[in-house]
Structures are given as structure tokens and as C-alpha cells.
Amino acid sequence: MSERKPLTPEEISAIVDGFDPIDTAQMELLAKLPPGKRIIPMLQATEMVRAGLRGAFRKKFPELSRPEINMKILEYLTYMDNNYERI
């Protein structure tokens, strides 16, 4: 079996067309964190997406209460089935 050399960030970026280059400094910082803390940036990003959707749904459905808007967001994220136009 031959030894494989790891791909460089530039090689990976060339393979995965359309993505930004890998931020190796950020990856090294995350790798040093315990698993419980590595997930925090992902949780923050998903909360930002939900907040954006909440604002968009509030504009689209001004008559709905916050719990009703939250249910629409849950439905949108769960099914992603063209019931709603992309916002």
C-alpha cells in the first residue's frame, strides 16, 4: 500500500470548486479546543441564520405571533420543500 501525502489547502480548494480557501489558522485554533467548545461557532452561525429567517418571515407574515413565526421557520428548515419562496 502506498503512502498518501496530505492535501494542501490550495489543492483541496482546487478540488472543491466554488468554496473559499481553507483558513488554516482558524482550523488550527479550533483543533486546539476541546470538542465541547469547537461546536460553539457552528451554533452561533445557525442562530444567525435563524435570526435572519425570523426577520424575513416577520416581514412576510406581519400578522403572525413570534411562536407562529418560529413554527414556520421550523417547518421551512425541516422540509425545505418549496412551500415558501427563498427569502
Protein backbone atom coordinates (compact mmCIF):
# COMPACT_ATOMS: atom_id res chain seq x y z
CA MET A 1 0.00 0.00 0.00
CA SER A 2 1.43 3.37 -0.96
CA GLU A 3 1.69 6.26 1.48
CA ARG A 4 -0.55 9.23 0.68
CA LYS A 5 0.61 12.73 1.36
CA PRO A 6 -1.98 15.07 2.87
CA LEU A 7 -3.51 17.59 0.51
CA THR A 8 -2.61 21.24 0.94
CA PRO A 9 -5.38 23.80 1.48
CA GLU A 10 -4.80 25.05 -2.08
CA GLU A 11 -5.17 21.54 -3.52
CA ILE A 12 -8.39 20.98 -1.58
CA SER A 13 -9.74 24.35 -2.73
CA ALA A 14 -8.95 23.46 -6.34
CA ILE A 15 -10.88 20.20 -5.98
CA VAL A 16 -13.88 21.78 -4.28
CA ASP A 17 -14.79 24.43 -6.81
CA GLY A 18 -16.69 27.47 -5.53
CA PHE A 19 -15.51 27.37 -1.92
CA ASP A 20 -13.17 29.86 -0.31
CA PRO A 21 -9.66 28.65 0.54
CA ILE A 22 -9.33 26.89 3.87
CA ASP A 23 -8.34 29.17 6.73
CA THR A 24 -5.57 27.07 8.24
CA ALA A 25 -5.05 29.42 11.18
CA GLN A 26 -8.73 29.09 12.12
CA MET A 27 -8.57 25.30 11.72
CA GLU A 28 -5.51 25.12 14.00
CA LEU A 29 -7.26 27.24 16.64
CA LEU A 30 -10.36 25.06 16.51
CA ALA A 31 -8.28 21.86 16.68
CA LYS A 32 -6.75 23.02 19.98
CA LEU A 33 -10.16 23.48 21.58
CA PRO A 34 -11.96 20.69 23.44
CA PRO A 35 -14.87 19.19 21.43
CA GLY A 36 -17.49 20.96 23.52
CA LYS A 37 -16.06 24.35 22.59
CA ARG A 38 -15.46 23.52 18.91
CA ILE A 39 -19.19 23.39 18.33
CA ILE A 40 -19.82 26.94 19.60
CA PRO A 41 -19.01 28.73 16.27
CA MET A 42 -21.40 26.38 14.44
CA LEU A 43 -24.14 27.05 16.96
CA GLN A 44 -23.58 30.80 16.63
CA ALA A 45 -23.79 30.55 12.83
CA THR A 46 -27.03 28.57 12.92
CA GLU A 47 -28.55 31.08 15.35
CA MET A 48 -27.60 33.88 12.94
CA VAL A 49 -29.38 32.03 10.11
CA ARG A 50 -32.47 31.52 12.26
CA ALA A 51 -32.48 35.20 13.25
CA GLY A 52 -32.29 36.20 9.58
CA LEU A 53 -35.15 33.88 8.71
CA ARG A 54 -37.17 35.19 11.65
CA GLY A 55 -36.78 38.77 10.37
CA ALA A 56 -37.69 37.77 6.82
CA PHE A 57 -40.76 35.82 7.97
CA ARG A 58 -41.81 38.70 10.22
CA LYS A 59 -41.85 40.97 7.14
CA LYS A 60 -43.63 38.37 5.02
CA PHE A 61 -46.20 37.44 7.69
CA PRO A 62 -46.63 40.53 9.92
CA GLU A 63 -49.90 39.21 11.39
CA LEU A 64 -48.25 36.15 12.97
CA SER A 65 -47.05 35.94 16.57
CA ARG A 66 -43.45 35.07 17.40
CA PRO A 67 -44.31 31.43 18.24
CA GLU A 68 -46.17 31.08 14.93
CA ILE A 69 -43.19 32.54 13.06
CA ASN A 70 -40.89 30.13 14.91
CA MET A 71 -43.08 27.24 13.79
CA LYS A 72 -42.91 28.47 10.17
CA ILE A 73 -39.10 28.61 10.46
CA LEU A 74 -39.05 25.09 11.87
CA GLU A 75 -41.23 23.87 9.02
CA TYR A 76 -39.06 25.70 6.46
CA LEU A 77 -35.82 24.27 7.81
CA THR A 78 -37.24 20.79 8.33
CA TYR A 79 -38.86 20.23 4.99
CA MET A 80 -37.23 22.74 2.59
CA ASP A 81 -39.92 21.73 0.10
CA ASN A 82 -40.73 24.87 -1.90
CA ASN A 83 -43.75 25.80 0.29
CA TYR A 84 -42.09 29.16 0.76
CA GLU A 85 -40.13 31.23 -1.72
CA ARG A 86 -36.47 31.60 -0.94
CA ILE A 87 -36.05 34.72 1.14
